[in-house]
Amino acid sequence: MGKYKRRRRMKIERLIDLILGMYKKHLNIEKKQEAILKYSLTVLLQSIIGYTLTLGFAWIFDIFWPALMIIITFSVFRSFSGGAHCSSPLNCELYSVISVNVLAFISKFISLDYQYVMPIAISTMLFSFWAVAKYAPADTPAKPITDPNKRYRLKKYSLILLCIWSTSILLYFKTVHKGNMIILASSLGLLFQSFSITKLGYAFWKGSDELLNIIQMKRGGRVC
């Protein structure tokens, strides 16, 4: 691990310890509760950092709104259907910055003609139903989902969300009859998330993660 990664991890850990210290002053927290709270704070802070960086770059490149829609769609579906992860929070953030902004660029600059956007949205819908039915919820070795009841609930909620999304998109096309940048962005966000739960998606994430590690090693752990 590079010096940048170590320094970054130490800063996050100090911030989490500071927040936990404030909780302990006002609440009686058991060891188990403290561990759960620490994990939740770690995930929350990493998500905030990742989203802030991603949307910051999107704002600079004038693609903020499609990037925001991609993040919302991707994150909502991911919370139930799961998916592949990078090996470190830093890689997750870099991957998010790159992938979301690339998709946002596509959403903004591709032709928004009805005849292009509608087939993309409908194809995404069909692919997502297949992926969710076959692979969701997709877990990781570090955080396996072993409870059959929980797996059933997550798959059911994923399908319900997908039905709601699909119905909304179909109603839009039925009433408006034209393309839309936000609709396209949401479709690409859902497509990206659905891809992440497939076997090919896991392989793609792993390859991208290894590439980011190699780049960081060649740069001596410096990414900024």
C-alpha atoms as a PDB file:
ATOM      1  CA  MET A   1       0.000   0.000   0.000  1.00  0.00           C
ATOM      2  CA  GLY A   2       1.379   3.456  -0.955  1.00  0.00           C
ATOM      3  CA  LYS A   3       2.041   6.318   1.428  1.00  0.00           C
ATOM      4  CA  TYR A   4      -0.993   8.187   0.116  1.00  0.00           C
ATOM      5  CA  LYS A   5      -3.294   5.269   0.901  1.00  0.00           C
ATOM      6  CA  ARG A   6      -1.870   4.935   4.427  1.00  0.00           C
ATOM      7  CA  ARG A   7      -2.218   8.645   5.152  1.00  0.00           C
ATOM      8  CA  ARG A   8      -5.743   8.686   3.772  1.00  0.00           C
ATOM      9  CA  ARG A   9      -6.795   5.664   5.815  1.00  0.00           C
ATOM     10  CA  MET A  10      -5.336   7.195   8.979  1.00  0.00           C
ATOM     11  CA  LYS A  11      -7.247  10.454   8.415  1.00  0.00           C
ATOM     12  CA  ILE A  12     -10.529   8.595   7.940  1.00  0.00           C
ATOM     13  CA  GLU A  13      -9.893   6.430  11.007  1.00  0.00           C
ATOM     14  CA  ARG A  14      -9.125   9.519  13.131  1.00  0.00           C
ATOM     15  CA  LEU A  15     -12.344  11.186  11.959  1.00  0.00           C
ATOM     16  CA  ILE A  16     -14.361   8.047  12.740  1.00  0.00           C
ATOM     17  CA  ASP A  17     -12.754   7.758  16.193  1.00  0.00           C
ATOM     18  CA  LEU A  18     -13.623  11.421  16.814  1.00  0.00           C
ATOM     19  CA  ILE A  19     -17.276  10.834  15.884  1.00  0.00           C
ATOM     20  CA  LEU A  20     -17.422   7.662  17.992  1.00  0.00           C
ATOM     21  CA  GLY A  21     -15.953   9.583  20.929  1.00  0.00           C
ATOM     22  CA  MET A  22     -18.778  12.117  20.672  1.00  0.00           C
ATOM     23  CA  TYR A  23     -21.346   9.292  20.663  1.00  0.00           C
ATOM     24  CA  LYS A  24     -19.773   7.677  23.727  1.00  0.00           C
ATOM     25  CA  LYS A  25     -20.040  10.904  25.695  1.00  0.00           C
ATOM     26  CA  HIS A  26     -23.813  10.926  25.366  1.00  0.00           C
ATOM     27  CA  LEU A  27     -24.751   7.264  24.870  1.00  0.00           C
ATOM     28  CA  ASN A  28     -23.849   3.961  26.466  1.00  0.00           C
ATOM     29  CA  ILE A  29     -22.530   1.904  23.558  1.00  0.00           C
ATOM     30  CA  GLU A  30     -21.582  -1.749  23.886  1.00  0.00           C
ATOM     31  CA  LYS A  31     -18.582  -3.234  22.079  1.00  0.00           C
ATOM     32  CA  LYS A  32     -20.764  -4.937  19.468  1.00  0.00           C
ATOM     33  CA  GLN A  33     -22.755  -1.746  18.853  1.00  0.00           C
ATOM     34  CA  GLU A  34     -19.522   0.207  18.569  1.00  0.00           C
ATOM     35  CA  ALA A  35     -18.194  -2.167  15.908  1.00  0.00           C
ATOM     36  CA  ILE A  36     -21.414  -1.885  13.887  1.00  0.00           C
ATOM     37  CA  LEU A  37     -21.440   1.903  14.220  1.00  0.00           C
ATOM     38  CA  LYS A  38     -17.783   2.133  13.188  1.00  0.00           C
ATOM     39  CA  TYR A  39     -18.416   0.025  10.089  1.00  0.00           C
ATOM     40  CA  SER A  40     -21.486   2.098   9.174  1.00  0.00           C
ATOM     41  CA  LEU A  41     -19.573   5.356   9.585  1.00  0.00           C
ATOM     42  CA  THR A  42     -16.730   4.015   7.437  1.00  0.00           C
ATOM     43  CA  VAL A  43     -19.116   3.080   4.618  1.00  0.00           C
ATOM     44  CA  LEU A  44     -20.941   6.421   4.920  1.00  0.00           C
ATOM     45  CA  LEU A  45     -17.774   8.529   4.824  1.00  0.00           C
ATOM     46  CA  GLN A  46     -16.345   6.578   1.904  1.00  0.00           C
ATOM     47  CA  SER A  47     -19.616   6.985   0.002  1.00  0.00           C
ATOM     48  CA  ILE A  48     -19.697  10.731   0.684  1.00  0.00           C
ATOM     49  CA  ILE A  49     -16.084  11.125  -0.494  1.00  0.00           C
ATOM     50  CA  GLY A  50     -16.726   9.049  -3.625  1.00  0.00           C
ATOM     51  CA  TYR A  51     -19.944  10.871  -4.557  1.00  0.00           C
ATOM     52  CA  THR A  52     -18.397  14.288  -3.860  1.00  0.00           C
ATOM     53  CA  LEU A  53     -15.397  13.571  -6.091  1.00  0.00           C
ATOM     54  CA  THR A  54     -17.566  12.132  -8.849  1.00  0.00           C
ATOM     55  CA  LEU A  55     -20.040  15.007  -8.867  1.00  0.00           C
ATOM     56  CA  GLY A  56     -17.219  17.532  -8.489  1.00  0.00           C
ATOM     57  CA  PHE A  57     -15.655  16.362 -11.743  1.00  0.00           C
ATOM     58  CA  ALA A  58     -19.107  16.213 -13.343  1.00  0.00           C
ATOM     59  CA  TRP A  59     -19.701  19.846 -12.372  1.00  0.00           C
ATOM     60  CA  ILE A  60     -16.367  20.880 -13.906  1.00  0.00           C
ATOM     61  CA  PHE A  61     -17.203  19.100 -17.176  1.00  0.00           C
ATOM     62  CA  ASP A  62     -20.788  20.423 -17.201  1.00  0.00           C
ATOM     63  CA  ILE A  63     -22.390  17.002 -16.941  1.00  0.00           C
ATOM     64  CA  PHE A  64     -23.637  17.306 -13.350  1.00  0.00           C
ATOM     65  CA  TRP A  65     -27.305  16.400 -13.862  1.00  0.00           C
ATOM     66  CA  PRO A  66     -26.846  13.221 -15.909  1.00  0.00           C
ATOM     67  CA  ALA A  67     -24.068  12.169 -13.505  1.00  0.00           C
ATOM     68  CA  LEU A  68     -26.387  12.724 -10.545  1.00  0.00           C
ATOM     69  CA  MET A  69     -29.141  10.655 -12.167  1.00  0.00           C
ATOM     70  CA  ILE A  70     -26.678   7.847 -12.925  1.00  0.00           C
ATOM     71  CA  ILE A  71     -25.494   7.823  -9.301  1.00  0.00           C
ATOM     72  CA  ILE A  72     -29.052   7.807  -7.907  1.00  0.00           C
ATOM     73  CA  THR A  73     -30.220   4.983 -10.182  1.00  0.00           C
ATOM     74  CA  PHE A  74     -27.052   2.945  -9.704  1.00  0.00           C
ATOM     75  CA  SER A  75     -26.987   3.359  -5.905  1.00  0.00           C
ATOM     76  CA  VAL A  76     -30.683   2.644  -5.295  1.00  0.00           C
ATOM     77  CA  PHE A  77     -30.624  -0.601  -7.278  1.00  0.00           C
ATOM     78  CA  ARG A  78     -27.215  -1.575  -5.901  1.00  0.00           C
ATOM     79  CA  SER A  79     -28.463  -1.340  -2.304  1.00  0.00           C
ATOM     80  CA  PHE A  80     -30.736  -4.328  -3.003  1.00  0.00           C
ATOM     81  CA  SER A  81     -29.179  -6.247  -5.899  1.00  0.00           C
ATOM     82  CA  GLY A  82     -25.537  -6.009  -4.746  1.00  0.00           C
ATOM     83  CA  GLY A  83     -22.688  -6.294  -7.210  1.00  0.00           C
ATOM     84  CA  ALA A  84     -18.931  -6.354  -7.687  1.00  0.00           C
ATOM     85  CA  HIS A  85     -16.609  -4.169  -5.596  1.00  0.00           C
ATOM     86  CA  CYS A  86     -13.061  -2.919  -5.893  1.00  0.00           C
ATOM     87  CA  SER A  87     -10.402  -4.098  -3.447  1.00  0.00           C
ATOM     88  CA  SER A  88     -10.026  -0.739  -1.690  1.00  0.00           C
ATOM     89  CA  PRO A  89     -12.122   2.389  -1.007  1.00  0.00           C
ATOM     90  CA  LEU A  90      -9.670   4.477  -3.039  1.00  0.00           C
ATOM     91  CA  ASN A  91     -10.112   2.242  -6.084  1.00  0.00           C
ATOM     92  CA  CYS A  92     -13.893   2.411  -5.665  1.00  0.00           C
ATOM     93  CA  GLU A  93     -13.741   6.199  -5.693  1.00  0.00           C
ATOM     94  CA  LEU A  94     -11.479   6.326  -8.756  1.00  0.00           C
ATOM     95  CA  TYR A  95     -13.657   3.789 -10.547  1.00  0.00           C
ATOM     96  CA  SER A  96     -16.777   5.775  -9.700  1.00  0.00           C
ATOM     97  CA  VAL A  97     -15.276   9.056 -10.933  1.00  0.00           C
ATOM     98  CA  ILE A  98     -14.241   7.511 -14.250  1.00  0.00           C
ATOM     99  CA  SER A  99     -17.250   5.298 -15.009  1.00  0.00           C
ATOM    100  CA  VAL A 100     -20.018   7.698 -13.934  1.00  0.00           C
ATOM    101  CA  ASN A 101     -18.532  10.648 -15.796  1.00  0.00           C
ATOM    102  CA  VAL A 102     -17.974   8.603 -18.960  1.00  0.00           C
ATOM    103  CA  LEU A 103     -21.612   7.488 -18.875  1.00  0.00           C
ATOM    104  CA  ALA A 104     -22.718  11.063 -18.163  1.00  0.00           C
ATOM    105  CA  PHE A 105     -20.764  12.289 -21.199  1.00  0.00           C
ATOM    106  CA  ILE A 106     -22.517   9.667 -23.319  1.00  0.00           C
ATOM    107  CA  SER A 107     -25.909  10.721 -21.909  1.00  0.00           C
ATOM    108  CA  LYS A 108     -25.300  14.364 -22.744  1.00  0.00           C
ATOM    109  CA  PHE A 109     -23.741  14.102 -26.187  1.00  0.00           C
ATOM    110  CA  ILE A 110     -25.478  11.099 -27.745  1.00  0.00           C
ATOM    111  CA  SER A 111     -28.399  11.883 -30.022  1.00  0.00           C
ATOM    112  CA  LEU A 112     -31.504  12.285 -27.851  1.00  0.00           C
ATOM    113  CA  ASP A 113     -33.829  11.345 -30.657  1.00  0.00           C
ATOM    114  CA  TYR A 114     -36.751   9.187 -29.546  1.00  0.00           C
ATOM    115  CA  GLN A 115     -35.733   6.379 -31.906  1.00  0.00           C
ATOM    116  CA  TYR A 116     -32.380   6.023 -30.097  1.00  0.00           C
ATOM    117  CA  VAL A 117     -33.305   6.571 -26.449  1.00  0.00           C
ATOM    118  CA  MET A 118     -36.334   4.279 -26.381  1.00  0.00           C
ATOM    119  CA  PRO A 119     -34.515   1.143 -27.672  1.00  0.00           C
ATOM    120  CA  ILE A 120     -31.683   1.748 -25.179  1.00  0.00           C
ATOM    121  CA  ALA A 121     -34.141   2.063 -22.272  1.00  0.00           C
ATOM    122  CA  ILE A 122     -36.176  -1.000 -23.287  1.00  0.00           C
ATOM    123  CA  SER A 123     -33.043  -3.093 -23.907  1.00  0.00           C
ATOM    124  CA  THR A 124     -31.761  -2.052 -20.473  1.00  0.00           C
ATOM    125  CA  MET A 125     -35.087  -3.054 -18.949  1.00  0.00           C
ATOM    126  CA  LEU A 126     -35.021  -6.540 -20.483  1.00  0.00           C
ATOM    127  CA  PHE A 127     -31.358  -7.125 -19.639  1.00  0.00           C
ATOM    128  CA  SER A 128     -31.883  -5.956 -16.052  1.00  0.00           C
ATOM    129  CA  PHE A 129     -34.839  -8.289 -15.478  1.00  0.00           C
ATOM    130  CA  TRP A 130     -32.696 -11.192 -16.719  1.00  0.00           C
ATOM    131  CA  ALA A 131     -29.683 -10.200 -14.613  1.00  0.00           C
ATOM    132  CA  VAL A 132     -31.684  -9.633 -11.424  1.00  0.00           C
ATOM    133  CA  ALA A 133     -33.665 -12.873 -11.833  1.00  0.00           C
ATOM    134  CA  LYS A 134     -30.472 -14.869 -12.381  1.00  0.00           C
ATOM    135  CA  TYR A 135     -27.847 -13.215 -10.152  1.00  0.00           C
ATOM    136  CA  ALA A 136     -29.400 -10.901  -7.531  1.00  0.00           C
ATOM    137  CA  PRO A 137     -28.507 -10.450  -4.806  1.00  0.00           C
ATOM    138  CA  ALA A 138     -24.847 -10.594  -5.875  1.00  0.00           C
ATOM    139  CA  ASP A 139     -22.542 -10.653  -2.861  1.00  0.00           C
ATOM    140  CA  THR A 140     -18.765 -10.704  -2.358  1.00  0.00           C
ATOM    141  CA  PRO A 141     -16.440 -13.089  -0.471  1.00  0.00           C
ATOM    142  CA  ALA A 142     -15.790 -10.348   2.078  1.00  0.00           C
ATOM    143  CA  LYS A 143     -19.509  -9.908   2.768  1.00  0.00           C
ATOM    144  CA  PRO A 144     -21.446 -13.037   1.759  1.00  0.00           C
ATOM    145  CA  ILE A 145     -25.237 -13.222   2.024  1.00  0.00           C
ATOM    146  CA  THR A 146     -25.892 -16.610   3.577  1.00  0.00           C
ATOM    147  CA  ASP A 147     -29.405 -16.158   4.958  1.00  0.00           C
ATOM    148  CA  PRO A 148     -31.917 -17.619   2.412  1.00  0.00           C
ATOM    149  CA  ASN A 149     -34.696 -15.348   3.680  1.00  0.00           C
ATOM    150  CA  LYS A 150     -32.537 -12.254   3.247  1.00  0.00           C
ATOM    151  CA  ARG A 151     -31.546 -13.356  -0.264  1.00  0.00           C
ATOM    152  CA  TYR A 152     -35.220 -13.823  -1.145  1.00  0.00           C
ATOM    153  CA  ARG A 153     -36.156 -10.385   0.225  1.00  0.00           C
ATOM    154  CA  LEU A 154     -33.344  -8.608  -1.612  1.00  0.00           C
ATOM    155  CA  LYS A 155     -34.230 -10.285  -4.909  1.00  0.00           C
ATOM    156  CA  LYS A 156     -37.916  -9.464  -4.412  1.00  0.00           C
ATOM    157  CA  TYR A 157     -37.177  -5.795  -3.622  1.00  0.00           C
ATOM    158  CA  SER A 158     -34.825  -5.600  -6.623  1.00  0.00           C
ATOM    159  CA  LEU A 159     -37.571  -6.888  -8.920  1.00  0.00           C
ATOM    160  CA  ILE A 160     -40.151  -4.530  -7.411  1.00  0.00           C
ATOM    161  CA  LEU A 161     -37.846  -1.550  -7.949  1.00  0.00           C
ATOM    162  CA  LEU A 162     -37.202  -2.690 -11.493  1.00  0.00           C
ATOM    163  CA  CYS A 163     -40.945  -2.958 -12.153  1.00  0.00           C
ATOM    164  CA  ILE A 164     -41.465   0.582 -10.820  1.00  0.00           C
ATOM    165  CA  TRP A 165     -38.610   1.932 -12.958  1.00  0.00           C
ATOM    166  CA  SER A 166     -39.823   0.112 -16.067  1.00  0.00           C
ATOM    167  CA  THR A 167     -43.413   1.282 -15.633  1.00  0.00           C
ATOM    168  CA  SER A 168     -42.258   4.885 -15.202  1.00  0.00           C
ATOM    169  CA  ILE A 169     -40.105   4.735 -18.326  1.00  0.00           C
ATOM    170  CA  LEU A 170     -42.850   3.150 -20.442  1.00  0.00           C
ATOM    171  CA  LEU A 171     -45.386   5.740 -19.264  1.00  0.00           C
ATOM    172  CA  TYR A 172     -42.934   8.501 -20.155  1.00  0.00           C
ATOM    173  CA  PHE A 173     -42.456   7.200 -23.690  1.00  0.00           C
ATOM    174  CA  LYS A 174     -46.205   6.631 -24.110  1.00  0.00           C
ATOM    175  CA  THR A 175     -47.096  10.196 -23.128  1.00  0.00           C
ATOM    176  CA  VAL A 176     -44.099  12.284 -24.257  1.00  0.00           C
ATOM    177  CA  HIS A 177     -42.872  10.467 -27.391  1.00  0.00           C
ATOM    178  CA  LYS A 178     -39.383  11.975 -27.394  1.00  0.00           C
ATOM    179  CA  GLY A 179     -35.884  11.360 -26.076  1.00  0.00           C
ATOM    180  CA  ASN A 180     -34.573  12.785 -22.826  1.00  0.00           C
ATOM    181  CA  MET A 181     -31.064  13.143 -21.367  1.00  0.00           C
ATOM    182  CA  ILE A 182     -32.167  12.197 -17.825  1.00  0.00           C
ATOM    183  CA  ILE A 183     -34.035   9.112 -19.063  1.00  0.00           C
ATOM    184  CA  LEU A 184     -30.950   8.030 -20.986  1.00  0.00           C
ATOM    185  CA  ALA A 185     -28.697   8.673 -17.984  1.00  0.00           C
ATOM    186  CA  SER A 186     -30.957   6.640 -15.697  1.00  0.00           C
ATOM    187  CA  SER A 187     -31.008   3.808 -18.261  1.00  0.00           C
ATOM    188  CA  LEU A 188     -27.213   3.757 -18.469  1.00  0.00           C
ATOM    189  CA  GLY A 189     -26.941   3.824 -14.669  1.00  0.00           C
ATOM    190  CA  LEU A 190     -29.279   0.840 -14.398  1.00  0.00           C
ATOM    191  CA  LEU A 191     -27.481  -0.971 -17.222  1.00  0.00           C
ATOM    192  CA  PHE A 192     -24.128  -0.459 -15.501  1.00  0.00           C
ATOM    193  CA  GLN A 193     -25.483  -1.742 -12.180  1.00  0.00           C
ATOM    194  CA  SER A 194     -27.166  -4.755 -13.768  1.00  0.00           C
ATOM    195  CA  PHE A 195     -23.923  -5.570 -15.565  1.00  0.00           C
ATOM    196  CA  SER A 196     -22.060  -5.418 -12.224  1.00  0.00           C
ATOM    197  CA  ILE A 197     -23.994  -8.388 -10.805  1.00  0.00           C
ATOM    198  CA  THR A 198     -23.209 -10.720 -13.714  1.00  0.00           C
ATOM    199  CA  LYS A 199     -20.176 -13.007 -13.951  1.00  0.00           C
ATOM    200  CA  LEU A 200     -18.755 -10.889 -16.753  1.00  0.00           C
ATOM    201  CA  GLY A 201     -19.339  -7.802 -14.628  1.00  0.00           C
ATOM    202  CA  TYR A 202     -17.350  -9.299 -11.742  1.00  0.00           C
ATOM    203  CA  ALA A 203     -14.506 -10.131 -14.145  1.00  0.00           C
ATOM    204  CA  PHE A 204     -14.592  -6.594 -15.567  1.00  0.00           C
ATOM    205  CA  TRP A 205     -14.502  -5.057 -12.068  1.00  0.00           C
ATOM    206  CA  LYS A 206     -11.593  -7.297 -11.090  1.00  0.00           C
ATOM    207  CA  GLY A 207      -9.616  -6.361 -14.205  1.00  0.00           C
ATOM    208  CA  SER A 208     -10.279  -2.643 -13.671  1.00  0.00           C
ATOM    209  CA  ASP A 209      -9.317  -2.945 -10.008  1.00  0.00           C
ATOM    210  CA  GLU A 210      -6.025  -4.637 -10.894  1.00  0.00           C
ATOM    211  CA  LEU A 211      -5.312  -1.970 -13.503  1.00  0.00           C
ATOM    212  CA  LEU A 212      -5.858   0.795 -10.931  1.00  0.00           C
ATOM    213  CA  ASN A 213      -3.502  -0.990  -8.522  1.00  0.00           C
ATOM    214  CA  ILE A 214      -0.809  -1.240 -11.199  1.00  0.00           C
ATOM    215  CA  ILE A 215      -1.150   2.463 -12.058  1.00  0.00           C
ATOM    216  CA  GLN A 216      -0.863   3.420  -8.399  1.00  0.00           C
ATOM    217  CA  MET A 217       2.183   1.197  -7.885  1.00  0.00           C
ATOM    218  CA  LYS A 218       3.936   2.792 -10.880  1.00  0.00           C
ATOM    219  CA  ARG A 219       3.144   6.219  -9.464  1.00  0.00           C
ATOM    220  CA  GLY A 220       4.380   5.237  -6.017  1.00  0.00           C
ATOM    221  CA  GLY A 221       0.887   5.232  -4.512  1.00  0.00           C
ATOM    222  CA  ARG A 222       0.170   8.823  -5.585  1.00  0.00           C
ATOM    223  CA  VAL A 223      -3.089   9.456  -7.362  1.00  0.00           C
ATOM    224  CA  CYS A 224      -3.287  13.193  -6.963  1.00  0.00           C
END
